[in-house]
C-alpha atoms as a PDB file:
ATOM      1  CA  MET A   1     -41.026  29.814  28.511  1.00  0.00           C
ATOM      2  CA  SER A   2     -38.572  28.125  30.865  1.00  0.00           C
ATOM      3  CA  ILE A   3     -35.457  29.832  32.177  1.00  0.00           C
ATOM      4  CA  TYR A   4     -33.584  26.797  30.813  1.00  0.00           C
ATOM      5  CA  ARG A   5     -34.864  27.239  27.265  1.00  0.00           C
ATOM      6  CA  VAL A   6     -32.339  28.426  24.694  1.00  0.00           C
ATOM      7  CA  ASP A   7     -33.592  29.791  21.375  1.00  0.00           C
ATOM      8  CA  LYS A   8     -32.465  27.564  18.522  1.00  0.00           C
ATOM      9  CA  SER A   9     -32.939  27.616  14.781  1.00  0.00           C
ATOM     10  CA  GLU A  10     -33.728  24.483  12.819  1.00  0.00           C
ATOM     11  CA  GLN A  11     -31.324  23.316  10.100  1.00  0.00           C
ATOM     12  CA  PRO A  12     -32.763  20.746   7.655  1.00  0.00           C
ATOM     13  CA  VAL A  13     -30.336  17.841   7.120  1.00  0.00           C
ATOM     14  CA  VAL A  14     -30.121  14.331   5.758  1.00  0.00           C
ATOM     15  CA  LEU A  15     -27.986  12.027   7.925  1.00  0.00           C
ATOM     16  CA  PHE A  16     -26.399   9.025   6.203  1.00  0.00           C
ATOM     17  CA  GLN A  17     -25.559   6.309   8.730  1.00  0.00           C
ATOM     18  CA  ALA A  18     -22.821   3.648   8.623  1.00  0.00           C
ATOM     19  CA  ASP A  19     -25.490   0.897   8.693  1.00  0.00           C
ATOM     20  CA  GLY A  20     -26.984   2.244   5.445  1.00  0.00           C
ATOM     21  CA  SER A  21     -29.974   3.957   7.031  1.00  0.00           C
ATOM     22  CA  VAL A  22     -30.869   7.524   6.098  1.00  0.00           C
ATOM     23  CA  MET A  23     -32.511  10.002   8.474  1.00  0.00           C
ATOM     24  CA  SER A  24     -34.157  13.193   7.158  1.00  0.00           C
ATOM     25  CA  GLY A  25     -35.098  15.932   9.568  1.00  0.00           C
ATOM     26  CA  VAL A  26     -33.647  18.886  11.434  1.00  0.00           C
ATOM     27  CA  VAL A  27     -30.873  19.646  13.894  1.00  0.00           C
ATOM     28  CA  PHE A  28     -30.985  22.598  16.277  1.00  0.00           C
ATOM     29  CA  LEU A  29     -28.427  25.411  16.060  1.00  0.00           C
ATOM     30  CA  SER A  30     -27.775  28.107  18.663  1.00  0.00           C
ATOM     31  CA  ALA A  31     -28.060  31.823  18.063  1.00  0.00           C
ATOM     32  CA  CYS A  32     -24.380  32.206  18.901  1.00  0.00           C
ATOM     33  CA  ALA A  33     -21.339  30.000  18.394  1.00  0.00           C
ATOM     34  CA  TYR A  34     -18.668  29.271  20.971  1.00  0.00           C
ATOM     35  CA  GLY A  35     -15.680  29.577  18.641  1.00  0.00           C
ATOM     36  CA  HIS A  36     -16.532  32.654  16.563  1.00  0.00           C
ATOM     37  CA  ILE A  37     -18.852  35.626  16.266  1.00  0.00           C
ATOM     38  CA  GLY A  38     -22.230  34.839  14.761  1.00  0.00           C
ATOM     39  CA  ARG A  39     -24.680  31.984  14.644  1.00  0.00           C
ATOM     40  CA  GLN A  40     -23.697  28.390  15.234  1.00  0.00           C
ATOM     41  CA  THR A  41     -23.196  26.400  12.023  1.00  0.00           C
ATOM     42  CA  LEU A  42     -23.720  22.700  11.430  1.00  0.00           C
ATOM     43  CA  ALA A  43     -19.928  22.227  11.447  1.00  0.00           C
ATOM     44  CA  ASP A  44     -19.779  24.006  14.833  1.00  0.00           C
ATOM     45  CA  LEU A  45     -22.426  21.642  16.229  1.00  0.00           C
ATOM     46  CA  LEU A  46     -20.439  18.604  15.094  1.00  0.00           C
ATOM     47  CA  ARG A  47     -17.213  19.983  16.654  1.00  0.00           C
ATOM     48  CA  GLU A  48     -18.784  20.440  20.089  1.00  0.00           C
ATOM     49  CA  LYS A  49     -17.789  18.128  22.918  1.00  0.00           C
ATOM     50  CA  GLY A  50     -19.964  15.104  23.363  1.00  0.00           C
ATOM     51  CA  ASN A  51     -20.817  12.216  21.107  1.00  0.00           C
ATOM     52  CA  PHE A  52     -24.521  12.976  20.606  1.00  0.00           C
ATOM     53  CA  PHE A  53     -26.723  15.817  19.361  1.00  0.00           C
ATOM     54  CA  PRO A  54     -30.514  16.364  19.235  1.00  0.00           C
ATOM     55  CA  PHE A  55     -32.346  15.486  16.006  1.00  0.00           C
ATOM     56  CA  ARG A  56     -36.017  15.603  14.983  1.00  0.00           C
ATOM     57  CA  SER A  57     -37.174  13.458  12.054  1.00  0.00           C
ATOM     58  CA  GLU A  58     -39.489  14.687   9.299  1.00  0.00           C
ATOM     59  CA  ALA A  59     -42.239  12.682  11.014  1.00  0.00           C
ATOM     60  CA  GLY A  60     -41.675  14.691  14.203  1.00  0.00           C
ATOM     61  CA  ALA A  61     -39.939  11.974  16.257  1.00  0.00           C
ATOM     62  CA  PHE A  62     -37.203  13.328  18.534  1.00  0.00           C
ATOM     63  CA  CYS A  63     -33.981  11.441  19.262  1.00  0.00           C
ATOM     64  CA  VAL A  64     -30.398  12.035  20.302  1.00  0.00           C
ATOM     65  CA  THR A  65     -28.059  10.877  17.514  1.00  0.00           C
ATOM     66  CA  ASN A  66     -24.513   9.517  17.740  1.00  0.00           C
ATOM     67  CA  LYS A  67     -22.033  11.546  15.652  1.00  0.00           C
ATOM     68  CA  ALA A  68     -19.678   8.575  15.274  1.00  0.00           C
ATOM     69  CA  THR A  69     -22.244   6.491  13.353  1.00  0.00           C
ATOM     70  CA  ILE A  70     -22.787   9.161  10.670  1.00  0.00           C
ATOM     71  CA  THR A  71     -20.829   8.725   7.431  1.00  0.00           C
ATOM     72  CA  HIS A  72     -21.896  12.037   5.914  1.00  0.00           C
ATOM     73  CA  ILE A  73     -24.514  14.763   6.204  1.00  0.00           C
ATOM     74  CA  ARG A  74     -26.209  16.566   3.316  1.00  0.00           C
ATOM     75  CA  TYR A  75     -27.454  20.084   4.020  1.00  0.00           C
ATOM     76  CA  GLU A  76     -28.312  23.370   2.393  1.00  0.00           C
ATOM     77  CA  GLN A  77     -26.501  26.501   3.388  1.00  0.00           C
ATOM     78  CA  THR A  78     -28.857  28.974   4.975  1.00  0.00           C
ATOM     79  CA  GLY A  79     -28.908  32.709   4.384  1.00  0.00           C
ATOM     80  CA  ILE A  80     -27.967  33.088   8.057  1.00  0.00           C
ATOM     81  CA  GLU A  81     -24.791  31.041   7.709  1.00  0.00           C
ATOM     82  CA  PRO A  82     -21.810  33.028   6.408  1.00  0.00           C
ATOM     83  CA  GLU A  83     -20.384  31.649   3.187  1.00  0.00           C
ATOM     84  CA  TYR A  84     -16.969  30.209   3.960  1.00  0.00           C
ATOM     85  CA  VAL A  85     -14.450  30.775   1.192  1.00  0.00           C
ATOM     86  CA  ALA A  86     -11.662  28.233   1.323  1.00  0.00           C
ATOM     87  CA  LEU A  87      -8.266  29.429   0.184  1.00  0.00           C
ATOM     88  CA  GLY A  88      -6.755  26.043  -0.550  1.00  0.00           C
ATOM     89  CA  ASN A  89      -6.363  23.644  -3.416  1.00  0.00           C
ATOM     90  CA  PRO A  90      -9.665  22.186  -4.731  1.00  0.00           C
ATOM     91  CA  VAL A  91      -9.368  18.460  -5.441  1.00  0.00           C
ATOM     92  CA  GLU A  92     -11.915  16.141  -7.043  1.00  0.00           C
ATOM     93  CA  VAL A  93     -12.084  12.931  -5.002  1.00  0.00           C
ATOM     94  CA  GLN A  94     -13.988   9.705  -4.636  1.00  0.00           C
ATOM     95  CA  ILE A  95     -14.737   8.582  -1.102  1.00  0.00           C
ATOM     96  CA  ASN A  96     -15.663   4.972  -0.342  1.00  0.00           C
ATOM     97  CA  PHE A  97     -17.276   4.234   3.004  1.00  0.00           C
ATOM     98  CA  ALA A  98     -16.967   0.907   4.814  1.00  0.00           C
ATOM     99  CA  GLY A  99     -20.601   0.037   4.009  1.00  0.00           C
ATOM    100  CA  GLY A 100     -19.977   0.401   0.260  1.00  0.00           C
ATOM    101  CA  GLU A 101     -21.517   3.834  -0.323  1.00  0.00           C
ATOM    102  CA  GLN A 102     -19.536   6.250  -2.491  1.00  0.00           C
ATOM    103  CA  LEU A 103     -19.361  10.023  -2.827  1.00  0.00           C
ATOM    104  CA  ARG A 104     -17.626  11.925  -5.620  1.00  0.00           C
ATOM    105  CA  GLY A 105     -17.075  15.614  -5.247  1.00  0.00           C
ATOM    106  CA  THR A 106     -14.717  18.454  -4.436  1.00  0.00           C
ATOM    107  CA  ILE A 107     -12.805  19.004  -1.227  1.00  0.00           C
ATOM    108  CA  VAL A 108     -10.475  21.925  -0.560  1.00  0.00           C
ATOM    109  CA  ILE A 109      -7.077  21.046   0.835  1.00  0.00           C
ATOM    110  CA  GLU A 110      -6.038  23.871   3.151  1.00  0.00           C
ATOM    111  CA  MET A 111      -2.647  22.821   4.428  1.00  0.00           C
ATOM    112  CA  PRO A 112       0.743  24.482   4.952  1.00  0.00           C
ATOM    113  CA  GLU A 113       3.044  24.685   1.953  1.00  0.00           C
ATOM    114  CA  GLY A 114       4.802  21.383   1.360  1.00  0.00           C
ATOM    115  CA  ARG A 115       1.925  19.416   2.965  1.00  0.00           C
ATOM    116  CA  THR A 116      -0.747  19.847   0.313  1.00  0.00           C
ATOM    117  CA  ARG A 117      -1.161  16.216  -0.727  1.00  0.00           C
ATOM    118  CA  LEU A 118      -4.442  14.380  -0.231  1.00  0.00           C
ATOM    119  CA  PHE A 119      -2.513  12.011   2.063  1.00  0.00           C
ATOM    120  CA  ASP A 120      -1.440  14.920   4.303  1.00  0.00           C
ATOM    121  CA  PHE A 121      -4.941  16.400   4.365  1.00  0.00           C
ATOM    122  CA  ILE A 122      -6.830  13.238   5.263  1.00  0.00           C
ATOM    123  CA  ASN A 123      -4.303  12.237   7.946  1.00  0.00           C
ATOM    124  CA  SER A 124      -4.590  15.674   9.593  1.00  0.00           C
ATOM    125  CA  MET A 125      -8.401  15.566   9.728  1.00  0.00           C
ATOM    126  CA  SER A 126     -10.534  14.635  12.698  1.00  0.00           C
ATOM    127  CA  GLY A 127     -14.294  14.791  12.860  1.00  0.00           C
ATOM    128  CA  PHE A 128     -16.116  16.156   9.823  1.00  0.00           C
ATOM    129  CA  PHE A 129     -14.815  18.073   6.794  1.00  0.00           C
ATOM    130  CA  PRO A 130     -16.731  19.843   3.982  1.00  0.00           C
ATOM    131  CA  MET A 131     -17.264  18.404   0.508  1.00  0.00           C
ATOM    132  CA  ASN A 132     -19.316  19.796  -2.362  1.00  0.00           C
ATOM    133  CA  ILE A 133     -20.974  17.992  -5.224  1.00  0.00           C
ATOM    134  CA  GLY A 134     -22.069  20.817  -7.493  1.00  0.00           C
ATOM    135  CA  ASP A 135     -24.330  23.043  -5.402  1.00  0.00           C
ATOM    136  CA  THR A 136     -24.947  20.304  -2.820  1.00  0.00           C
ATOM    137  CA  HIS A 137     -23.084  20.581   0.481  1.00  0.00           C
ATOM    138  CA  TYR A 138     -21.885  17.698   2.634  1.00  0.00           C
ATOM    139  CA  LEU A 139     -19.969  17.205   5.835  1.00  0.00           C
ATOM    140  CA  VAL A 140     -18.003  13.935   5.750  1.00  0.00           C
ATOM    141  CA  ASN A 141     -16.963  11.962   8.840  1.00  0.00           C
ATOM    142  CA  VAL A 142     -13.296  11.097   8.344  1.00  0.00           C
ATOM    143  CA  ALA A 143     -13.565   8.190  10.804  1.00  0.00           C
ATOM    144  CA  GLN A 144     -16.071   6.411   8.529  1.00  0.00           C
ATOM    145  CA  ILE A 145     -13.968   6.589   5.329  1.00  0.00           C
ATOM    146  CA  ARG A 146     -12.654   3.276   4.028  1.00  0.00           C
ATOM    147  CA  ASP A 147     -10.550   4.926   1.306  1.00  0.00           C
ATOM    148  CA  ILE A 148     -10.298   8.174  -0.629  1.00  0.00           C
ATOM    149  CA  SER A 149      -8.664   8.783  -4.008  1.00  0.00           C
ATOM    150  CA  PRO A 150      -8.200  11.743  -6.364  1.00  0.00           C
ATOM    151  CA  LEU A 151     -10.099  11.704  -9.662  1.00  0.00           C
END
């Protein structure tokens, strides 16, 4: 073991790219997060400085992937990851990405009183935000959204 090695856990994900390609594999999460107590989550990894993160495909190929090219990420919550309970207004939405792909699901608008419209929420976002479609979890890249509308 190297002194430079940091223990990481593997998080299975499916990365949906702006060019229409789909990458299945794992990302690597740290045993501790920088912004809170506990293990690093996928959302924490995406919030870190830098435009790229390590990824290993199902076939075992390793690459460093650009966050900006990802439209959305599908993942399963692990038993290690604390369940985040949002205290906002759940809204059913349809998201259309520039490449034509669509997602329909639920987002939770957690905004100050008087700023709880979808318009306010999406304009305040940067990076990735959570969306659920039934029991399936996604992180959506706001920069790749062409348009979003309530259902």
